[in-house]
Amino acid sequence: MSDFTLSDLEAIVARRALVAPEESWTAKLVAAGQTKAAKKLGEEAVEAVIAAISGTRKTSPTRPPICCTICWWC
């Protein structure tokens, strides 16, 4: 089991948010604002649920927590 924590994720998001939006998906989402980040969180969560019930891995299971952290960080 990993020792990776939500605090680690928040630190990564904070670091990536400081670069130019053209260089980072996170920076682009932060620059778009909390409403856009919340919309992306909803989209990613729905995709994760669909993937979970269909047994596919077409989406990354890390995207919803990342989007949630970005939304909170905005």
PDB file of N, CA and C in Angstrom:
ATOM      1  N   MET A   1       0.837  -1.181   0.000  1.00  0.00           N
ATOM      2  CA  MET A   1       0.000   0.000   0.000  1.00  0.00           C
ATOM      3  C   MET A   1       0.882   1.245   0.000  1.00  0.00           C
ATOM      4  N   SER A   2       0.445   2.246  -0.689  1.00  0.00           N
ATOM      5  CA  SER A   2       1.218   3.474  -0.852  1.00  0.00           C
ATOM      6  C   SER A   2       1.058   4.396   0.344  1.00  0.00           C
ATOM      7  N   ASP A   3       2.098   5.163   0.581  1.00  0.00           N
ATOM      8  CA  ASP A   3       2.041   6.185   1.630  1.00  0.00           C
ATOM      9  C   ASP A   3       1.589   7.528   1.069  1.00  0.00           C
ATOM     10  N   PHE A   4       1.166   7.543  -0.176  1.00  0.00           N
ATOM     11  CA  PHE A   4       0.711   8.767  -0.837  1.00  0.00           C
ATOM     12  C   PHE A   4      -0.578   9.242  -0.181  1.00  0.00           C
ATOM     13  N   THR A   5      -0.649  10.528   0.166  1.00  0.00           N
ATOM     14  CA  THR A   5      -1.814  11.068   0.873  1.00  0.00           C
ATOM     15  C   THR A   5      -2.489  12.173   0.058  1.00  0.00           C
ATOM     16  N   LEU A   6      -3.649  12.584   0.523  1.00  0.00           N
ATOM     17  CA  LEU A   6      -4.323  13.716  -0.107  1.00  0.00           C
ATOM     18  C   LEU A   6      -3.507  14.993   0.053  1.00  0.00           C
ATOM     19  N   SER A   7      -2.740  15.100   1.119  1.00  0.00           N
ATOM     20  CA  SER A   7      -1.845  16.254   1.282  1.00  0.00           C
ATOM     21  C   SER A   7      -0.780  16.265   0.191  1.00  0.00           C
ATOM     22  N   ASP A   8      -0.293  15.082  -0.168  1.00  0.00           N
ATOM     23  CA  ASP A   8       0.665  14.980  -1.273  1.00  0.00           C
ATOM     24  C   ASP A   8       0.018  15.447  -2.576  1.00  0.00           C
ATOM     25  N   LEU A   9      -1.214  15.018  -2.806  1.00  0.00           N
ATOM     26  CA  LEU A   9      -1.944  15.408  -4.008  1.00  0.00           C
ATOM     27  C   LEU A   9      -2.151  16.920  -4.036  1.00  0.00           C
ATOM     28  N   GLU A  10      -2.509  17.498  -2.914  1.00  0.00           N
ATOM     29  CA  GLU A  10      -2.721  18.938  -2.846  1.00  0.00           C
ATOM     30  C   GLU A  10      -1.430  19.691  -3.157  1.00  0.00           C
ATOM     31  N   ALA A  11      -0.313  19.200  -2.683  1.00  0.00           N
ATOM     32  CA  ALA A  11       0.980  19.835  -2.958  1.00  0.00           C
ATOM     33  C   ALA A  11       1.305  19.782  -4.453  1.00  0.00           C
ATOM     34  N   ILE A  12       0.999  18.664  -5.090  1.00  0.00           N
ATOM     35  CA  ILE A  12       1.229  18.531  -6.534  1.00  0.00           C
ATOM     36  C   ILE A  12       0.341  19.503  -7.294  1.00  0.00           C
ATOM     37  N   VAL A  13      -0.934  19.566  -6.923  1.00  0.00           N
ATOM     38  CA  VAL A  13      -1.868  20.485  -7.579  1.00  0.00           C
ATOM     39  C   VAL A  13      -1.395  21.922  -7.406  1.00  0.00           C
ATOM     40  N   ALA A  14      -0.987  22.294  -6.208  1.00  0.00           N
ATOM     41  CA  ALA A  14      -0.523  23.657  -5.942  1.00  0.00           C
ATOM     42  C   ALA A  14       0.689  23.996  -6.807  1.00  0.00           C
ATOM     43  N   ARG A  15       1.617  23.069  -6.932  1.00  0.00           N
ATOM     44  CA  ARG A  15       2.816  23.280  -7.748  1.00  0.00           C
ATOM     45  C   ARG A  15       2.451  23.424  -9.231  1.00  0.00           C
ATOM     46  N   ARG A  16       1.597  22.542  -9.696  1.00  0.00           N
ATOM     47  CA  ARG A  16       1.228  22.563 -11.121  1.00  0.00           C
ATOM     48  C   ARG A  16       0.355  23.768 -11.467  1.00  0.00           C
ATOM     49  N   ALA A  17      -0.382  24.283 -10.512  1.00  0.00           N
ATOM     50  CA  ALA A  17      -1.249  25.434 -10.754  1.00  0.00           C
ATOM     51  C   ALA A  17      -0.455  26.701 -11.037  1.00  0.00           C
ATOM     52  N   LEU A  18       0.801  26.716 -10.648  1.00  0.00           N
ATOM     53  CA  LEU A  18       1.626  27.915 -10.801  1.00  0.00           C
ATOM     54  C   LEU A  18       2.291  28.046 -12.168  1.00  0.00           C
ATOM     55  N   VAL A  19       2.251  27.002 -12.976  1.00  0.00           N
ATOM     56  CA  VAL A  19       2.870  27.078 -14.303  1.00  0.00           C
ATOM     57  C   VAL A  19       1.883  27.663 -15.301  1.00  0.00           C
ATOM     58  N   ALA A  20       2.352  27.940 -16.501  1.00  0.00           N
ATOM     59  CA  ALA A  20       1.488  28.499 -17.538  1.00  0.00           C
ATOM     60  C   ALA A  20       0.393  27.500 -17.915  1.00  0.00           C
ATOM     61  N   PRO A  21      -0.827  27.981 -18.125  1.00  0.00           N
ATOM     62  CA  PRO A  21      -1.929  27.081 -18.494  1.00  0.00           C
ATOM     63  C   PRO A  21      -1.654  26.246 -19.743  1.00  0.00           C
ATOM     64  N   GLU A  22      -0.817  26.754 -20.640  1.00  0.00           N
ATOM     65  CA  GLU A  22      -0.488  25.998 -21.852  1.00  0.00           C
ATOM     66  C   GLU A  22       0.393  24.793 -21.542  1.00  0.00           C
ATOM     67  N   GLU A  23       1.039  24.801 -20.382  1.00  0.00           N
ATOM     68  CA  GLU A  23       1.976  23.744 -20.010  1.00  0.00           C
ATOM     69  C   GLU A  23       1.388  22.682 -19.087  1.00  0.00           C
ATOM     70  N   SER A  24       0.211  22.948 -18.522  1.00  0.00           N
ATOM     71  CA  SER A  24      -0.319  22.034 -17.514  1.00  0.00           C
ATOM     72  C   SER A  24      -1.840  21.988 -17.578  1.00  0.00           C
ATOM     73  N   TRP A  25      -2.372  20.760 -17.615  1.00  0.00           N
ATOM     74  CA  TRP A  25      -3.828  20.577 -17.569  1.00  0.00           C
ATOM     75  C   TRP A  25      -4.377  21.159 -16.268  1.00  0.00           C
ATOM     76  N   THR A  26      -3.657  20.962 -15.184  1.00  0.00           N
ATOM     77  CA  THR A  26      -4.081  21.488 -13.883  1.00  0.00           C
ATOM     78  C   THR A  26      -4.117  23.012 -13.906  1.00  0.00           C
ATOM     79  N   ALA A  27      -3.067  23.639 -14.416  1.00  0.00           N
ATOM     80  CA  ALA A  27      -3.022  25.106 -14.478  1.00  0.00           C
ATOM     81  C   ALA A  27      -4.151  25.648 -15.351  1.00  0.00           C
ATOM     82  N   LYS A  28      -4.423  24.961 -16.446  1.00  0.00           N
ATOM     83  CA  LYS A  28      -5.510  25.386 -17.333  1.00  0.00           C
ATOM     84  C   LYS A  28      -6.853  25.327 -16.610  1.00  0.00           C
ATOM     85  N   LEU A  29      -7.073  24.271 -15.854  1.00  0.00           N
ATOM     86  CA  LEU A  29      -8.327  24.114 -15.123  1.00  0.00           C
ATOM     87  C   LEU A  29      -8.444  25.143 -13.993  1.00  0.00           C
ATOM     88  N   VAL A  30      -7.354  25.397 -13.293  1.00  0.00           N
ATOM     89  CA  VAL A  30      -7.358  26.410 -12.227  1.00  0.00           C
ATOM     90  C   VAL A  30      -7.628  27.789 -12.818  1.00  0.00           C
ATOM     91  N   ALA A  31      -6.993  28.087 -13.951  1.00  0.00           N
ATOM     92  CA  ALA A  31      -7.188  29.393 -14.593  1.00  0.00           C
ATOM     93  C   ALA A  31      -8.635  29.589 -15.045  1.00  0.00           C
ATOM     94  N   ALA A  32      -9.306  28.495 -15.379  1.00  0.00           N
ATOM     95  CA  ALA A  32     -10.704  28.578 -15.824  1.00  0.00           C
ATOM     96  C   ALA A  32     -11.660  28.858 -14.673  1.00  0.00           C
ATOM     97  N   GLY A  33     -11.215  28.626 -13.441  1.00  0.00           N
ATOM     98  CA  GLY A  33     -12.037  28.945 -12.273  1.00  0.00           C
ATOM     99  C   GLY A  33     -12.719  27.740 -11.643  1.00  0.00           C
ATOM    100  N   GLN A  34     -13.286  28.002 -10.477  1.00  0.00           N
ATOM    101  CA  GLN A  34     -13.881  26.941  -9.674  1.00  0.00           C
ATOM    102  C   GLN A  34     -15.095  26.305 -10.349  1.00  0.00           C
ATOM    103  N   THR A  35     -15.897  27.092 -11.048  1.00  0.00           N
ATOM    104  CA  THR A  35     -17.079  26.536 -11.716  1.00  0.00           C
ATOM    105  C   THR A  35     -16.669  25.523 -12.779  1.00  0.00           C
ATOM    106  N   LYS A  36     -15.664  25.859 -13.578  1.00  0.00           N
ATOM    107  CA  LYS A  36     -15.182  24.931 -14.609  1.00  0.00           C
ATOM    108  C   LYS A  36     -14.568  23.695 -13.952  1.00  0.00           C
ATOM    109  N   ALA A  37     -13.817  23.893 -12.869  1.00  0.00           N
ATOM    110  CA  ALA A  37     -13.213  22.760 -12.162  1.00  0.00           C
ATOM    111  C   ALA A  37     -14.302  21.851 -11.590  1.00  0.00           C
ATOM    112  N   ALA A  38     -15.368  22.438 -11.060  1.00  0.00           N
ATOM    113  CA  ALA A  38     -16.471  21.639 -10.512  1.00  0.00           C
ATOM    114  C   ALA A  38     -17.170  20.849 -11.622  1.00  0.00           C
ATOM    115  N   LYS A  39     -17.342  21.473 -12.786  1.00  0.00           N
ATOM    116  CA  LYS A  39     -17.954  20.778 -13.925  1.00  0.00           C
ATOM    117  C   LYS A  39     -17.084  19.593 -14.345  1.00  0.00           C
ATOM    118  N   LYS A  40     -15.781  19.810 -14.402  1.00  0.00           N
ATOM    119  CA  LYS A  40     -14.860  18.739 -14.790  1.00  0.00           C
ATOM    120  C   LYS A  40     -14.893  17.617 -13.757  1.00  0.00           C
ATOM    121  N   LEU A  41     -14.969  17.969 -12.482  1.00  0.00           N
ATOM    122  CA  LEU A  41     -15.076  16.967 -11.420  1.00  0.00           C
ATOM    123  C   LEU A  41     -16.302  16.090 -11.650  1.00  0.00           C
ATOM    124  N   GLY A  42     -17.446  16.709 -11.946  1.00  0.00           N
ATOM    125  CA  GLY A  42     -18.665  15.948 -12.208  1.00  0.00           C
ATOM    126  C   GLY A  42     -18.528  15.022 -13.396  1.00  0.00           C
ATOM    127  N   GLU A  43     -17.922  15.529 -14.476  1.00  0.00           N
ATOM    128  CA  GLU A  43     -17.723  14.702 -15.670  1.00  0.00           C
ATOM    129  C   GLU A  43     -16.839  13.495 -15.362  1.00  0.00           C
ATOM    130  N   GLU A  44     -15.737  13.736 -14.662  1.00  0.00           N
ATOM    131  CA  GLU A  44     -14.799  12.658 -14.352  1.00  0.00           C
ATOM    132  C   GLU A  44     -15.423  11.635 -13.393  1.00  0.00           C
ATOM    133  N   ALA A  45     -16.212  12.114 -12.446  1.00  0.00           N
ATOM    134  CA  ALA A  45     -16.864  11.205 -11.501  1.00  0.00           C
ATOM    135  C   ALA A  45     -17.852  10.287 -12.226  1.00  0.00           C
ATOM    136  N   VAL A  46     -18.630  10.856 -13.129  1.00  0.00           N
ATOM    137  CA  VAL A  46     -19.586  10.052 -13.900  1.00  0.00           C
ATOM    138  C   VAL A  46     -18.843   9.006 -14.725  1.00  0.00           C
ATOM    139  N   GLU A  47     -17.759   9.418 -15.393  1.00  0.00           N
ATOM    140  CA  GLU A  47     -16.979   8.464 -16.185  1.00  0.00           C
ATOM    141  C   GLU A  47     -16.400   7.344 -15.316  1.00  0.00           C
ATOM    142  N   ALA A  48     -15.943   7.685 -14.113  1.00  0.00           N
ATOM    143  CA  ALA A  48     -15.390   6.673 -13.215  1.00  0.00           C
ATOM    144  C   ALA A  48     -16.464   5.676 -12.781  1.00  0.00           C
ATOM    145  N   VAL A  49     -17.665   6.162 -12.501  1.00  0.00           N
ATOM    146  CA  VAL A  49     -18.759   5.280 -12.094  1.00  0.00           C
ATOM    147  C   VAL A  49     -19.156   4.361 -13.253  1.00  0.00           C
ATOM    148  N   ILE A  50     -19.270   4.915 -14.438  1.00  0.00           N
ATOM    149  CA  ILE A  50     -19.621   4.098 -15.600  1.00  0.00           C
ATOM    150  C   ILE A  50     -18.564   3.029 -15.836  1.00  0.00           C
ATOM    151  N   ALA A  51     -17.300   3.404 -15.748  1.00  0.00           N
ATOM    152  CA  ALA A  51     -16.218   2.436 -15.931  1.00  0.00           C
ATOM    153  C   ALA A  51     -16.274   1.354 -14.857  1.00  0.00           C
ATOM    154  N   ALA A  52     -16.580   1.744 -13.638  1.00  0.00           N
ATOM    155  CA  ALA A  52     -16.632   0.773 -12.541  1.00  0.00           C
ATOM    156  C   ALA A  52     -17.747  -0.246 -12.735  1.00  0.00           C
ATOM    157  N   ILE A  53     -18.921   0.200 -13.149  1.00  0.00           N
ATOM    158  CA  ILE A  53     -20.026  -0.750 -13.284  1.00  0.00           C
ATOM    159  C   ILE A  53     -19.956  -1.547 -14.580  1.00  0.00           C
ATOM    160  N   SER A  54     -19.239  -1.024 -15.578  1.00  0.00           N
ATOM    161  CA  SER A  54     -19.140  -1.758 -16.840  1.00  0.00           C
ATOM    162  C   SER A  54     -17.911  -2.659 -16.875  1.00  0.00           C
ATOM    163  N   GLY A  55     -17.048  -2.510 -15.882  1.00  0.00           N
ATOM    164  CA  GLY A  55     -15.860  -3.344 -15.816  1.00  0.00           C
ATOM    165  C   GLY A  55     -14.751  -2.922 -16.762  1.00  0.00           C
ATOM    166  N   THR A  56     -14.840  -1.715 -17.301  1.00  0.00           N
ATOM    167  CA  THR A  56     -13.791  -1.224 -18.192  1.00  0.00           C
ATOM    168  C   THR A  56     -12.863  -0.289 -17.434  1.00  0.00           C
ATOM    169  N   ARG A  57     -11.734  -0.036 -18.021  1.00  0.00           N
ATOM    170  CA  ARG A  57     -10.768   0.899 -17.420  1.00  0.00           C
ATOM    171  C   ARG A  57     -10.462   2.009 -18.421  1.00  0.00           C
ATOM    172  N   LYS A  58     -11.510   2.570 -19.007  1.00  0.00           N
ATOM    173  CA  LYS A  58     -11.326   3.621 -20.001  1.00  0.00           C
ATOM    174  C   LYS A  58     -11.049   4.981 -19.360  1.00  0.00           C
ATOM    175  N   THR A  59     -11.165   5.084 -18.080  1.00  0.00           N
ATOM    176  CA  THR A  59     -10.898   6.335 -17.388  1.00  0.00           C
ATOM    177  C   THR A  59      -9.924   6.065 -16.250  1.00  0.00           C
ATOM    178  N   SER A  60      -9.201   7.074 -15.894  1.00  0.00           N
ATOM    179  CA  SER A  60      -8.240   6.940 -14.800  1.00  0.00           C
ATOM    180  C   SER A  60      -8.958   7.074 -13.464  1.00  0.00           C
ATOM    181  N   PRO A  61      -8.752   6.134 -12.542  1.00  0.00           N
ATOM    182  CA  PRO A  61      -9.403   6.245 -11.237  1.00  0.00           C
ATOM    183  C   PRO A  61      -8.864   7.406 -10.412  1.00  0.00           C
ATOM    184  N   THR A  62      -7.776   8.010 -10.863  1.00  0.00           N
ATOM    185  CA  THR A  62      -7.217   9.140 -10.117  1.00  0.00           C
ATOM    186  C   THR A  62      -7.826  10.467 -10.542  1.00  0.00           C
ATOM    187  N   ARG A  63      -8.499  10.529 -11.667  1.00  0.00           N
ATOM    188  CA  ARG A  63      -9.029  11.802 -12.140  1.00  0.00           C
ATOM    189  C   ARG A  63     -10.039  12.442 -11.182  1.00  0.00           C
ATOM    190  N   PRO A  64     -11.052  11.719 -10.667  1.00  0.00           N
ATOM    191  CA  PRO A  64     -11.980  12.391  -9.755  1.00  0.00           C
ATOM    192  C   PRO A  64     -11.304  13.003  -8.528  1.00  0.00           C
ATOM    193  N   PRO A  65     -10.394  12.308  -7.833  1.00  0.00           N
ATOM    194  CA  PRO A  65      -9.740  12.965  -6.695  1.00  0.00           C
ATOM    195  C   PRO A  65      -8.891  14.163  -7.112  1.00  0.00           C
ATOM    196  N   ILE A  66      -8.252  14.071  -8.268  1.00  0.00           N
ATOM    197  CA  ILE A  66      -7.458  15.199  -8.749  1.00  0.00           C
ATOM    198  C   ILE A  66      -8.368  16.391  -9.018  1.00  0.00           C
ATOM    199  N   CYS A  67      -9.479  16.159  -9.712  1.00  0.00           N
ATOM    200  CA  CYS A  67     -10.412  17.239 -10.007  1.00  0.00           C
ATOM    201  C   CYS A  67     -11.009  17.830  -8.740  1.00  0.00           C
ATOM    202  N   CYS A  68     -11.306  16.991  -7.787  1.00  0.00           N
ATOM    203  CA  CYS A  68     -11.839  17.461  -6.506  1.00  0.00           C
ATOM    204  C   CYS A  68     -10.826  18.360  -5.807  1.00  0.00           C
ATOM    205  N   THR A  69      -9.574  17.959  -5.825  1.00  0.00           N
ATOM    206  CA  THR A  69      -8.525  18.755  -5.198  1.00  0.00           C
ATOM    207  C   THR A  69      -8.348  20.086  -5.925  1.00  0.00           C
ATOM    208  N   ILE A  70      -8.395  20.063  -7.246  1.00  0.00           N
ATOM    209  CA  ILE A  70      -8.290  21.306  -8.019  1.00  0.00           C
ATOM    210  C   ILE A  70      -9.454  22.230  -7.697  1.00  0.00           C
ATOM    211  N   CYS A  71     -10.650  21.676  -7.632  1.00  0.00           N
ATOM    212  CA  CYS A  71     -11.844  22.459  -7.318  1.00  0.00           C
ATOM    213  C   CYS A  71     -11.695  23.103  -5.947  1.00  0.00           C
ATOM    214  N   TRP A  72     -11.237  22.340  -4.983  1.00  0.00           N
ATOM    215  CA  TRP A  72     -11.031  22.859  -3.620  1.00  0.00           C
ATOM    216  C   TRP A  72      -9.948  23.926  -3.617  1.00  0.00           C
ATOM    217  N   TRP A  73      -8.892  23.705  -4.400  1.00  0.00           N
ATOM    218  CA  TRP A  73      -7.760  24.618  -4.427  1.00  0.00           C
ATOM    219  C   TRP A  73      -8.113  25.950  -5.065  1.00  0.00           C
ATOM    220  N   CYS A  74      -9.066  25.935  -6.016  1.00  0.00           N
ATOM    221  CA  CYS A  74      -9.489  27.187  -6.679  1.00  0.00           C
ATOM    222  C   CYS A  74     -10.065  28.133  -5.649  1.00  0.00           C
TER     223      CYS A  74
END
